Protein backbone atom coordinates (compact mmCIF):
# COMPACT_ATOMS: atom_id res chain seq x y z
CA MET A 1 0.26 -19.72 -23.51
CA ASP A 2 0.04 -23.47 -23.08
CA ARG A 3 -3.51 -24.33 -21.92
CA ALA A 4 -2.89 -28.06 -21.44
CA VAL A 5 -3.64 -29.79 -18.15
CA GLY A 6 -2.12 -33.22 -18.55
CA ARG A 7 -3.55 -34.58 -21.81
CA PHE A 8 -6.59 -32.29 -21.76
CA VAL A 9 -6.39 -28.89 -23.50
CA ILE A 10 -8.73 -26.24 -22.14
CA PRO A 11 -10.42 -24.20 -24.90
CA ALA A 12 -9.44 -20.53 -24.94
CA GLY A 13 -13.05 -19.42 -24.51
CA SER A 14 -13.36 -21.46 -21.30
CA MET A 15 -10.39 -19.89 -19.52
CA ILE A 16 -12.71 -17.33 -17.86
CA VAL A 17 -14.41 -20.16 -15.95
CA GLY A 18 -11.30 -20.46 -13.76
CA THR A 19 -11.65 -16.80 -12.80
CA LEU A 20 -15.33 -17.24 -11.99
CA ILE A 21 -14.62 -20.28 -9.81
CA ALA A 22 -11.90 -18.32 -7.98
CA VAL A 23 -14.35 -15.48 -7.29
CA VAL A 24 -16.97 -17.87 -5.91
CA VAL A 25 -14.44 -19.61 -3.67
CA SER A 26 -12.97 -16.28 -2.50
CA LEU A 27 -16.39 -14.88 -1.61
CA GLY A 28 -17.25 -18.07 0.27
CA LEU A 29 -14.00 -17.88 2.25
CA LEU A 30 -14.57 -14.21 2.97
CA ASP A 31 -18.13 -14.74 4.18
CA ARG A 32 -17.59 -17.96 6.16
CA VAL A 33 -14.00 -17.63 7.45
CA LEU A 34 -12.44 -14.17 7.26
CA LEU A 35 -15.34 -12.01 8.45
CA PRO A 36 -16.15 -14.23 11.48
CA LEU A 37 -12.43 -14.27 12.33
CA TRP A 38 -12.31 -10.47 12.06
CA ARG A 39 -15.37 -10.16 14.32
CA ARG A 40 -13.84 -12.52 16.89
CA LEU A 41 -10.48 -10.71 16.96
CA VAL A 42 -11.59 -7.07 16.71
CA ARG A 43 -15.07 -7.38 18.30
CA HIS A 44 -16.85 -5.36 15.58
CA ASP A 45 -17.64 -5.54 11.87
CA PRO A 46 -15.28 -3.86 9.41
CA THR A 47 -16.54 -0.50 8.22
CA PRO A 48 -17.44 -0.03 4.55
CA LEU A 49 -14.29 2.05 4.12
CA GLN A 50 -12.15 -0.77 5.56
CA ARG A 51 -13.80 -3.26 3.19
CA ILE A 52 -13.12 -0.97 0.22
CA GLY A 53 -9.52 -0.52 1.34
CA ALA A 54 -9.05 -4.29 1.65
CA GLY A 55 -10.46 -4.70 -1.86
CA HIS A 56 -8.00 -2.14 -3.20
CA VAL A 57 -5.08 -3.90 -1.50
CA ILE A 58 -6.13 -7.23 -3.01
CA THR A 59 -6.45 -5.57 -6.44
CA ILE A 60 -2.96 -4.06 -6.15
CA VAL A 61 -1.46 -7.43 -5.19
CA SER A 62 -3.23 -9.20 -8.07
CA MET A 63 -2.07 -6.59 -10.58
CA ALA A 64 1.51 -6.91 -9.32
CA ALA A 65 1.30 -10.70 -9.77
CA SER A 66 -0.08 -10.19 -13.29
CA ALA A 67 2.81 -7.88 -14.12
CA VAL A 68 5.36 -10.44 -12.90
CA ILE A 69 3.74 -13.20 -14.97
CA GLU A 70 3.53 -11.00 -18.09
CA ARG A 71 7.18 -10.03 -17.72
CA ARG A 72 8.12 -13.71 -17.53
CA ARG A 73 5.97 -14.51 -20.57
CA LEU A 74 7.56 -11.72 -22.60
CA GLY A 75 11.00 -12.95 -21.56
CA THR A 76 10.11 -16.38 -22.90
CA VAL A 77 8.89 -14.87 -26.18
CA HIS A 78 12.11 -12.88 -26.58
CA ALA A 79 14.26 -15.90 -25.67
CA HIS A 80 12.63 -17.91 -28.47
CA GLY A 81 12.82 -14.99 -30.93
CA LYS A 82 9.09 -15.08 -31.74
CA GLU A 83 8.21 -11.40 -31.17
CA GLY A 84 6.46 -10.95 -34.53
CA ASN A 85 4.68 -14.31 -34.73
CA PRO A 86 1.11 -14.06 -33.32
CA ALA A 87 0.43 -17.77 -33.96
CA TRP A 88 3.29 -18.95 -31.73
CA VAL A 89 2.23 -20.53 -28.41
CA SER A 90 4.41 -19.79 -25.41
CA PRO A 91 5.58 -22.91 -23.52
CA LEU A 92 4.54 -21.27 -20.21
CA SER A 93 1.52 -22.88 -18.63
CA ALA A 94 -1.60 -20.71 -18.41
CA MET A 95 -2.48 -22.48 -15.18
């Protein structure tokens, strides 16, 4: 996929950094915003089972989003007729 952001091209090996930054931001939001909001609304902490269930729901949603994006990427590959060319770069943005 196209890894360009403006004129800057992100190296393929550095793409994982975006995932790591998203995890850090998500954990910060969870700890500083969502859990205090939960405590204020429900008047108790979520149980470990509720936390695990929320994690599974988030995982299911993220996998569904990944499937939608992969389907779109494959559609682009088929539209350009480049199924057998591993060196071809899809015009879809990786961002």
